[in-house]
Structure formats: C-alpha cells, structure tokens
Amino acid sequence: MRLVWVLFFSLGLAACTGLPWNAVAPKVSVADVAIKSLSLFEQHLDVGLRIGNPNDFDLTIETLEFDLEVNGHPFASGLSNTLTRVPAAASAVLRVDTFMKSNDLIQQFKSLSPAVLKDGVSYRVKGRIKTDRSSRWLPFDHTGVYSSDEKKFKGKAF
C-alpha cells in the first residue's frame, strides 16, 4: 500500500512540473518604449512587451523579468508581477515599469549617430517568464530593429 501512495504522489508531482507535453513557450518582443521621468541618476521608462501565446490554451503570465539592450549596449531592465492573461493563439501587451541608469543613457547618446537612426536601431530583449502552466522559469531572447521610418519594432526570436 505504501508503494501505491509513493507512486500516486510521484505522478502527481510530475504532472505539475512543467508546460503540457505539446506546449510551446510564449514569445516576448518589444512593442513600444515611452519615457515616464528623467532624473540625474536614472530614468524611469514604460516598456510595452508583446507576449505571444502560440498554444491552443490560455496562459497567465505571473512574473517576467528582462534586460533590454539597444545597439549592443545595456538600455533598461525591468520586473513585472502583474498577472496578465494571454488568450490561446493570440498576444497581449504587458506594460512594465523599467529603470535605466544615466551612464547607460550616455552610452546610447554616444552610439546613436544620425546614420544609425536612419538605418534603424537594433535591440535585444532577453529574460525569463513564469506562467500558471509551469513551475519553472522559461527563458526568452528576441532581437530586432526599430526603424523610425516605419515607427515600429520588428525582429526575430531565438
């Protein structure tokens, strides 16, 4: 009888350890960035992250943390504990308060010439995400280019 309880408990734990067998991790990309406030030591930004759910079931994003790089230099980092529901085969934008150090802003000004701005600014967003369907953190890494001509972000996830 003891063996039956151990087997039952083990199977119960195994069922709760990750995404369903056929599940795909959510895709994360940058939707937009807006300045909230500027100060001498840091800048407060509002970053919109588009969370794509390629699965045939809804996901609830419980926690997300990320680092954003622009032109290969650190730009901002953020953390969100806001529960966000992403419908099956759809996407939602999660607004995240982020902070940027003044030193990182100075590096951006040095690297962003008019020619770079015309061709588009490369970015990378990487981090990890926790959903209601997994007990583990799921990593993400997405690169793209922001073009001022098109006024939008586009890119490729790895």
N, C-alpha and C. Protein backbone atom coordinates (compact mmCIF):
# COMPACT_ATOMS: atom_id res chain seq x y z
N MET A 1 0.83 -1.19 0.00
CA MET A 1 0.00 0.00 0.00
C MET A 1 0.87 1.26 0.00
N ARG A 2 1.97 1.20 0.74
CA ARG A 2 2.87 2.35 0.79
C ARG A 2 3.43 2.68 -0.59
N LEU A 3 3.76 1.65 -1.36
CA LEU A 3 4.27 1.83 -2.72
C LEU A 3 3.24 2.52 -3.61
N VAL A 4 1.97 2.19 -3.42
CA VAL A 4 0.91 2.82 -4.21
C VAL A 4 0.85 4.31 -3.90
N TRP A 5 0.96 4.69 -2.63
CA TRP A 5 0.93 6.10 -2.26
C TRP A 5 2.14 6.86 -2.80
N VAL A 6 3.30 6.26 -2.74
CA VAL A 6 4.51 6.88 -3.29
C VAL A 6 4.37 7.08 -4.79
N LEU A 7 3.87 6.07 -5.49
CA LEU A 7 3.66 6.17 -6.94
C LEU A 7 2.64 7.26 -7.26
N PHE A 8 1.53 7.28 -6.54
CA PHE A 8 0.49 8.29 -6.75
C PHE A 8 1.04 9.70 -6.53
N PHE A 9 1.78 9.89 -5.44
CA PHE A 9 2.38 11.19 -5.13
C PHE A 9 3.39 11.60 -6.20
N SER A 10 4.22 10.68 -6.65
CA SER A 10 5.23 10.97 -7.68
C SER A 10 4.58 11.38 -8.99
N LEU A 11 3.54 10.67 -9.39
CA LEU A 11 2.84 11.02 -10.63
C LEU A 11 2.16 12.38 -10.50
N GLY A 12 1.63 12.67 -9.33
CA GLY A 12 1.00 13.98 -9.10
C GLY A 12 2.00 15.10 -9.22
N LEU A 13 3.19 14.93 -8.66
CA LEU A 13 4.23 15.95 -8.79
C LEU A 13 4.70 16.09 -10.22
N ALA A 14 4.87 15.01 -10.92
CA ALA A 14 5.33 15.06 -12.31
C ALA A 14 4.32 15.79 -13.18
N ALA A 15 3.06 15.68 -12.90
CA ALA A 15 2.03 16.34 -13.70
C ALA A 15 2.07 17.85 -13.54
N CYS A 16 2.63 18.34 -12.46
CA CYS A 16 2.63 19.77 -12.17
C CYS A 16 3.97 20.45 -12.44
N THR A 17 4.93 19.77 -13.01
CA THR A 17 6.27 20.34 -13.10
C THR A 17 6.54 21.19 -14.32
N GLY A 18 5.71 21.21 -15.31
CA GLY A 18 6.03 21.99 -16.50
C GLY A 18 4.83 22.23 -17.37
N LEU A 19 5.11 22.79 -18.55
CA LEU A 19 4.06 23.00 -19.53
C LEU A 19 3.55 21.65 -20.02
N PRO A 20 2.33 21.60 -20.55
CA PRO A 20 1.84 20.35 -21.14
C PRO A 20 2.80 19.85 -22.22
N TRP A 21 2.72 18.58 -22.53
CA TRP A 21 3.67 17.94 -23.45
C TRP A 21 3.79 18.68 -24.78
N ASN A 22 2.70 19.11 -25.36
CA ASN A 22 2.72 19.74 -26.69
C ASN A 22 2.82 21.26 -26.64
N ALA A 23 3.12 21.82 -25.49
CA ALA A 23 3.12 23.27 -25.31
C ALA A 23 4.40 23.91 -25.85
N VAL A 24 4.25 25.17 -26.28
CA VAL A 24 5.35 25.98 -26.75
C VAL A 24 5.47 27.18 -25.81
N ALA A 25 6.70 27.54 -25.44
CA ALA A 25 6.91 28.69 -24.54
C ALA A 25 6.42 29.97 -25.20
N PRO A 26 5.91 30.93 -24.43
CA PRO A 26 5.46 32.20 -25.00
C PRO A 26 6.61 32.96 -25.64
N LYS A 27 6.30 33.76 -26.66
CA LYS A 27 7.27 34.61 -27.34
C LYS A 27 7.16 36.02 -26.76
N VAL A 28 8.30 36.67 -26.56
CA VAL A 28 8.32 38.01 -25.98
C VAL A 28 9.09 38.93 -26.91
N SER A 29 8.50 40.09 -27.24
CA SER A 29 9.18 41.09 -28.07
C SER A 29 8.80 42.48 -27.56
N VAL A 30 9.51 43.50 -28.04
CA VAL A 30 9.25 44.88 -27.63
C VAL A 30 8.15 45.47 -28.51
N ALA A 31 7.13 46.01 -27.88
CA ALA A 31 6.04 46.67 -28.60
C ALA A 31 6.28 48.18 -28.66
N ASP A 32 6.69 48.77 -27.54
CA ASP A 32 6.99 50.21 -27.52
C ASP A 32 7.73 50.58 -26.24
N VAL A 33 8.34 51.77 -26.26
CA VAL A 33 9.07 52.31 -25.12
C VAL A 33 8.69 53.77 -24.98
N ALA A 34 8.33 54.19 -23.78
CA ALA A 34 7.99 55.59 -23.53
C ALA A 34 8.71 56.07 -22.27
N ILE A 35 9.11 57.33 -22.27
CA ILE A 35 9.78 57.94 -21.12
C ILE A 35 8.72 58.39 -20.12
N LYS A 36 8.88 57.98 -18.86
CA LYS A 36 7.96 58.42 -17.80
C LYS A 36 8.55 59.58 -17.02
N SER A 37 9.86 59.48 -16.67
CA SER A 37 10.51 60.57 -15.95
C SER A 37 12.02 60.49 -16.13
N LEU A 38 12.65 61.64 -16.01
CA LEU A 38 14.10 61.75 -16.13
C LEU A 38 14.65 62.37 -14.86
N SER A 39 15.80 61.85 -14.41
CA SER A 39 16.47 62.47 -13.27
C SER A 39 17.97 62.36 -13.51
N LEU A 40 18.74 62.88 -12.59
CA LEU A 40 20.19 62.91 -12.74
C LEU A 40 20.81 61.52 -12.75
N PHE A 41 20.31 60.60 -11.92
CA PHE A 41 20.94 59.30 -11.78
C PHE A 41 20.27 58.17 -12.54
N GLU A 42 18.96 58.27 -12.78
CA GLU A 42 18.27 57.23 -13.51
C GLU A 42 17.05 57.78 -14.23
N GLN A 43 16.61 57.02 -15.23
CA GLN A 43 15.45 57.37 -16.00
C GLN A 43 14.39 56.29 -15.79
N HIS A 44 13.16 56.70 -15.70
CA HIS A 44 12.04 55.79 -15.49
C HIS A 44 11.31 55.66 -16.83
N LEU A 45 11.22 54.42 -17.34
CA LEU A 45 10.61 54.17 -18.63
C LEU A 45 9.39 53.26 -18.48
N ASP A 46 8.49 53.33 -19.46
CA ASP A 46 7.36 52.42 -19.57
C ASP A 46 7.61 51.59 -20.82
N VAL A 47 7.89 50.30 -20.66
CA VAL A 47 8.16 49.42 -21.79
C VAL A 47 6.96 48.51 -21.98
N GLY A 48 6.47 48.46 -23.21
CA GLY A 48 5.40 47.54 -23.56
C GLY A 48 6.01 46.30 -24.18
N LEU A 49 5.81 45.16 -23.56
CA LEU A 49 6.30 43.89 -24.09
C LEU A 49 5.13 43.10 -24.66
N ARG A 50 5.25 42.69 -25.91
CA ARG A 50 4.21 41.87 -26.53
C ARG A 50 4.49 40.41 -26.18
N ILE A 51 3.53 39.77 -25.53
CA ILE A 51 3.63 38.37 -25.16
C ILE A 51 2.75 37.58 -26.13
N GLY A 52 3.38 36.73 -26.92
CA GLY A 52 2.64 35.90 -27.86
C GLY A 52 2.46 34.50 -27.32
N ASN A 53 1.25 33.99 -27.40
CA ASN A 53 0.93 32.64 -26.94
C ASN A 53 0.59 31.77 -28.15
N PRO A 54 1.53 30.94 -28.61
CA PRO A 54 1.27 30.11 -29.78
C PRO A 54 0.48 28.83 -29.47
N ASN A 55 0.09 28.63 -28.24
CA ASN A 55 -0.58 27.40 -27.82
C ASN A 55 -2.09 27.46 -28.05
N ASP A 56 -2.73 26.31 -27.93
CA ASP A 56 -4.19 26.23 -28.09
C ASP A 56 -4.91 26.31 -26.74
N PHE A 57 -4.25 26.88 -25.75
CA PHE A 57 -4.84 27.10 -24.43
C PHE A 57 -4.35 28.45 -23.91
N ASP A 58 -5.14 29.08 -23.04
CA ASP A 58 -4.77 30.36 -22.45
C ASP A 58 -3.61 30.19 -21.48
N LEU A 59 -2.81 31.27 -21.34
CA LEU A 59 -1.73 31.32 -20.37
C LEU A 59 -1.93 32.55 -19.50
N THR A 60 -1.55 32.46 -18.25
CA THR A 60 -1.50 33.63 -17.39
C THR A 60 -0.03 33.86 -17.04
N ILE A 61 0.46 35.04 -17.39
CA ILE A 61 1.83 35.41 -17.06
C ILE A 61 1.82 35.86 -15.60
N GLU A 62 2.62 35.18 -14.77
CA GLU A 62 2.67 35.51 -13.35
C GLU A 62 3.81 36.47 -13.05
N THR A 63 4.98 36.22 -13.61
CA THR A 63 6.16 37.05 -13.37
C THR A 63 7.01 37.08 -14.62
N LEU A 64 7.61 38.22 -14.87
CA LEU A 64 8.51 38.38 -16.02
C LEU A 64 9.63 39.32 -15.60
N GLU A 65 10.85 38.95 -15.95
CA GLU A 65 11.98 39.86 -15.73
C GLU A 65 12.80 39.88 -17.01
N PHE A 66 13.36 41.06 -17.32
CA PHE A 66 14.06 41.19 -18.60
C PHE A 66 15.13 42.27 -18.55
N ASP A 67 16.05 42.18 -19.52
CA ASP A 67 17.04 43.21 -19.79
C ASP A 67 16.86 43.61 -21.25
N LEU A 68 16.92 44.90 -21.51
CA LEU A 68 16.79 45.43 -22.86
C LEU A 68 18.11 46.08 -23.25
N GLU A 69 18.65 45.67 -24.40
CA GLU A 69 19.86 46.27 -24.95
C GLU A 69 19.49 47.02 -26.22
N VAL A 70 20.17 48.13 -26.46
CA VAL A 70 19.99 48.90 -27.69
C VAL A 70 21.38 49.12 -28.28
N ASN A 71 21.53 48.77 -29.54
CA ASN A 71 22.82 48.87 -30.24
C ASN A 71 23.95 48.17 -29.47
N GLY A 72 23.64 47.04 -28.87
CA GLY A 72 24.64 46.25 -28.17
C GLY A 72 25.03 46.77 -26.81
N HIS A 73 24.37 47.81 -26.32
CA HIS A 73 24.67 48.39 -25.01
C HIS A 73 23.47 48.22 -24.08
N PRO A 74 23.71 48.04 -22.77
CA PRO A 74 22.59 47.96 -21.83
C PRO A 74 21.72 49.22 -21.94
N PHE A 75 20.41 49.00 -21.89
CA PHE A 75 19.48 50.12 -22.00
C PHE A 75 18.60 50.22 -20.77
N ALA A 76 17.89 49.14 -20.44
CA ALA A 76 16.99 49.17 -19.29
C ALA A 76 16.74 47.74 -18.82
N SER A 77 16.24 47.63 -17.60
CA SER A 77 15.84 46.33 -17.08
C SER A 77 14.56 46.50 -16.30
N GLY A 78 13.80 45.43 -16.22
CA GLY A 78 12.52 45.54 -15.53
C GLY A 78 12.03 44.21 -15.00
N LEU A 79 11.04 44.30 -14.13
CA LEU A 79 10.43 43.15 -13.49
C LEU A 79 8.94 43.45 -13.33
N SER A 80 8.11 42.47 -13.68
CA SER A 80 6.67 42.63 -13.53
C SER A 80 6.10 41.43 -12.81
N ASN A 81 5.26 41.69 -11.83
CA ASN A 81 4.50 40.65 -11.14
C ASN A 81 3.01 40.80 -11.40
N THR A 82 2.66 41.54 -12.45
CA THR A 82 1.27 41.78 -12.81
C THR A 82 0.73 40.56 -13.55
N LEU A 83 -0.34 39.98 -13.02
CA LEU A 83 -0.96 38.84 -13.71
C LEU A 83 -1.56 39.32 -15.03
N THR A 84 -1.14 38.68 -16.11
CA THR A 84 -1.61 39.06 -17.44
C THR A 84 -2.08 37.81 -18.17
N ARG A 85 -3.33 37.80 -18.57
CA ARG A 85 -3.90 36.65 -19.30
C ARG A 85 -3.64 36.83 -20.78
N VAL A 86 -3.10 35.80 -21.43
CA VAL A 86 -2.85 35.81 -22.87
C VAL A 86 -3.69 34.69 -23.47
N PRO A 87 -4.70 35.05 -24.28
CA PRO A 87 -5.57 34.03 -24.87
C PRO A 87 -4.81 33.07 -25.79
N ALA A 88 -5.39 31.92 -26.02
CA ALA A 88 -4.81 30.93 -26.91
C ALA A 88 -4.62 31.52 -28.30
N ALA A 89 -3.49 31.24 -28.93
CA ALA A 89 -3.16 31.67 -30.30
C ALA A 89 -3.36 33.18 -30.48
N ALA A 90 -2.94 33.96 -29.48
CA ALA A 90 -3.09 35.42 -29.54
C ALA A 90 -1.93 36.06 -28.79
N SER A 91 -1.99 37.38 -28.66
CA SER A 91 -0.95 38.09 -27.92
C SER A 91 -1.58 39.19 -27.08
N ALA A 92 -0.80 39.65 -26.11
CA ALA A 92 -1.22 40.76 -25.25
C ALA A 92 0.02 41.58 -24.93
N VAL A 93 -0.19 42.87 -24.67
CA VAL A 93 0.93 43.75 -24.31
C VAL A 93 0.94 43.92 -22.80
N LEU A 94 2.10 43.62 -22.21
CA LEU A 94 2.32 43.77 -20.78
C LEU A 94 3.13 45.04 -20.56
N ARG A 95 2.60 45.99 -19.80
CA ARG A 95 3.29 47.25 -19.50
C ARG A 95 4.21 47.01 -18.29
N VAL A 96 5.48 47.36 -18.44
CA VAL A 96 6.45 47.14 -17.37
C VAL A 96 7.18 48.44 -17.07
N ASP A 97 7.16 48.84 -15.79
CA ASP A 97 7.97 49.98 -15.35
C ASP A 97 9.42 49.53 -15.32
N THR A 98 10.28 50.28 -15.98
CA THR A 98 11.69 49.92 -16.04
C THR A 98 12.54 51.12 -15.64
N PHE A 99 13.79 50.82 -15.34
CA PHE A 99 14.72 51.87 -14.97
C PHE A 99 15.97 51.77 -15.81
N MET A 100 16.53 52.91 -16.10
CA MET A 100 17.74 53.00 -16.90
C MET A 100 18.72 53.89 -16.15
N LYS A 101 19.96 53.44 -16.04
CA LYS A 101 20.98 54.24 -15.37
C LYS A 101 21.46 55.35 -16.29
N SER A 102 21.83 56.49 -15.72
CA SER A 102 22.30 57.63 -16.52
C SER A 102 23.53 57.26 -17.34
N ASN A 103 24.41 56.44 -16.79
CA ASN A 103 25.59 56.01 -17.53
C ASN A 103 25.21 55.26 -18.81
N ASP A 104 24.17 54.41 -18.74
CA ASP A 104 23.69 53.69 -19.92
C ASP A 104 23.09 54.66 -20.94
N LEU A 105 22.42 55.70 -20.46
CA LEU A 105 21.86 56.70 -21.37
C LEU A 105 22.97 57.45 -22.10
N ILE A 106 24.03 57.78 -21.40
CA ILE A 106 25.17 58.48 -22.02
C ILE A 106 25.80 57.60 -23.10
N GLN A 107 25.95 56.30 -22.82
CA GLN A 107 26.48 55.37 -23.81
C GLN A 107 25.59 55.32 -25.06
N GLN A 108 24.29 55.39 -24.86
CA GLN A 108 23.37 55.38 -26.01
C GLN A 108 23.54 56.64 -26.85
N PHE A 109 23.67 57.79 -26.21
CA PHE A 109 23.86 59.03 -26.97
C PHE A 109 25.15 58.97 -27.79
N LYS A 110 26.19 58.36 -27.24
CA LYS A 110 27.46 58.24 -27.96
C LYS A 110 27.34 57.33 -29.18
N SER A 111 26.52 56.28 -29.08
CA SER A 111 26.46 55.28 -30.15
C SER A 111 25.38 55.56 -31.20
N LEU A 112 24.45 56.47 -30.92
CA LEU A 112 23.35 56.70 -31.85
C LEU A 112 23.61 57.91 -32.74
N SER A 113 24.26 57.68 -33.85
CA SER A 113 24.51 58.74 -34.82
C SER A 113 23.29 58.88 -35.74
N PRO A 114 23.19 59.98 -36.48
CA PRO A 114 22.07 60.14 -37.42
C PRO A 114 22.00 59.00 -38.45
N ALA A 115 23.16 58.49 -38.86
CA ALA A 115 23.17 57.38 -39.83
C ALA A 115 22.56 56.11 -39.21
N VAL A 116 22.91 55.84 -37.96
CA VAL A 116 22.35 54.67 -37.28
C VAL A 116 20.85 54.82 -37.12
N LEU A 117 20.41 56.02 -36.75
CA LEU A 117 18.98 56.26 -36.57
C LEU A 117 18.21 56.08 -37.89
N LYS A 118 18.84 56.48 -38.99
CA LYS A 118 18.18 56.34 -40.30
C LYS A 118 18.05 54.87 -40.70
N ASP A 119 19.10 54.09 -40.46
CA ASP A 119 19.09 52.68 -40.85
C ASP A 119 18.26 51.82 -39.91
N GLY A 120 18.03 52.29 -38.73
CA GLY A 120 17.28 51.52 -37.74
C GLY A 120 18.17 51.17 -36.55
N VAL A 121 17.58 51.10 -35.40
CA VAL A 121 18.30 50.84 -34.16
C VAL A 121 18.06 49.39 -33.76
N SER A 122 19.15 48.64 -33.60
CA SER A 122 18.99 47.24 -33.20
C SER A 122 18.73 47.14 -31.71
N TYR A 123 17.94 46.14 -31.34
CA TYR A 123 17.66 45.93 -29.93
C TYR A 123 17.62 44.43 -29.64
N ARG A 124 17.76 44.11 -28.35
CA ARG A 124 17.66 42.73 -27.88
C ARG A 124 16.96 42.75 -26.54
N VAL A 125 15.95 41.94 -26.40
CA VAL A 125 15.27 41.78 -25.12
C VAL A 125 15.43 40.31 -24.72
N LYS A 126 15.96 40.12 -23.51
CA LYS A 126 16.15 38.75 -23.03
C LYS A 126 15.79 38.70 -21.56
N GLY A 127 15.36 37.53 -21.15
CA GLY A 127 14.98 37.37 -19.75
C GLY A 127 14.33 36.04 -19.51
N ARG A 128 13.41 36.04 -18.55
CA ARG A 128 12.70 34.81 -18.23
C ARG A 128 11.28 35.13 -17.80
N ILE A 129 10.42 34.15 -17.95
CA ILE A 129 9.00 34.35 -17.72
C ILE A 129 8.45 33.15 -16.95
N LYS A 130 7.48 33.40 -16.09
CA LYS A 130 6.83 32.33 -15.33
C LYS A 130 5.34 32.40 -15.62
N THR A 131 4.77 31.25 -15.97
CA THR A 131 3.34 31.19 -16.28
C THR A 131 2.62 30.30 -15.27
N ASP A 132 1.30 30.32 -15.35
CA ASP A 132 0.48 29.47 -14.50
C ASP A 132 0.56 28.00 -14.91
N ARG A 133 1.12 27.73 -16.07
CA ARG A 133 1.18 26.36 -16.59
C ARG A 133 2.52 25.67 -16.33
N SER A 134 3.45 26.36 -15.68
CA SER A 134 4.76 25.78 -15.46
C SER A 134 5.30 26.19 -14.10
N SER A 135 5.94 25.25 -13.43
CA SER A 135 6.56 25.58 -12.15
C SER A 135 7.98 26.13 -12.36
N ARG A 136 8.47 26.06 -13.59
CA ARG A 136 9.82 26.53 -13.91
C ARG A 136 9.78 27.85 -14.67
N TRP A 137 10.88 28.59 -14.58
CA TRP A 137 11.05 29.79 -15.37
C TRP A 137 11.34 29.38 -16.82
N LEU A 138 10.80 30.11 -17.77
CA LEU A 138 11.04 29.85 -19.19
C LEU A 138 11.85 31.00 -19.76
N PRO A 139 13.01 30.74 -20.35
CA PRO A 139 13.83 31.82 -20.88
C PRO A 139 13.29 32.33 -22.22
N PHE A 140 13.61 33.60 -22.53
CA PHE A 140 13.31 34.15 -23.85
C PHE A 140 14.45 35.04 -24.29
N ASP A 141 14.58 35.21 -25.60
CA ASP A 141 15.63 36.04 -26.19
C ASP A 141 15.14 36.46 -27.57
N HIS A 142 15.01 37.73 -27.79
CA HIS A 142 14.47 38.26 -29.04
C HIS A 142 15.33 39.43 -29.50
N THR A 143 15.68 39.45 -30.78
CA THR A 143 16.40 40.59 -31.36
C THR A 143 15.57 41.18 -32.48
N GLY A 144 15.79 42.45 -32.73
CA GLY A 144 15.06 43.13 -33.79
C GLY A 144 15.65 44.49 -34.09
N VAL A 145 14.93 45.24 -34.90
CA VAL A 145 15.35 46.58 -35.31
C VAL A 145 14.17 47.51 -35.20
N TYR A 146 14.40 48.68 -34.60
CA TYR A 146 13.39 49.72 -34.57
C TYR A 146 13.73 50.72 -35.66
N SER A 147 12.80 50.89 -36.59
CA SER A 147 13.01 51.82 -37.69
C SER A 147 12.13 53.04 -37.51
N SER A 148 12.74 54.22 -37.52
CA SER A 148 11.96 55.44 -37.34
C SER A 148 11.06 55.71 -38.55
N ASP A 149 11.44 55.20 -39.74
CA ASP A 149 10.60 55.38 -40.92
C ASP A 149 9.28 54.64 -40.77
N GLU A 150 9.35 53.42 -40.20
CA GLU A 150 8.16 52.60 -40.06
C GLU A 150 7.48 52.80 -38.72
N LYS A 151 8.17 53.46 -37.78
CA LYS A 151 7.65 53.72 -36.44
C LYS A 151 7.17 52.44 -35.75
N LYS A 152 7.94 51.37 -35.91
CA LYS A 152 7.56 50.16 -35.21
C LYS A 152 8.75 49.26 -34.97
N PHE A 153 8.58 48.33 -34.05
CA PHE A 153 9.60 47.36 -33.75
C PHE A 153 9.32 46.11 -34.57
N LYS A 154 10.39 45.47 -35.02
CA LYS A 154 10.25 44.18 -35.68
C LYS A 154 11.47 43.36 -35.34
N GLY A 155 11.35 42.05 -35.42
CA GLY A 155 12.51 41.25 -35.06
C GLY A 155 12.28 39.78 -35.15
N LYS A 156 13.22 39.05 -34.55
CA LYS A 156 13.25 37.60 -34.63
C LYS A 156 13.55 37.02 -33.25
N ALA A 157 12.79 36.02 -32.87
CA ALA A 157 13.02 35.36 -31.58
C ALA A 157 13.92 34.16 -31.77
N PHE A 158 14.74 33.89 -30.79
CA PHE A 158 15.61 32.72 -30.80
C PHE A 158 15.05 31.65 -29.91
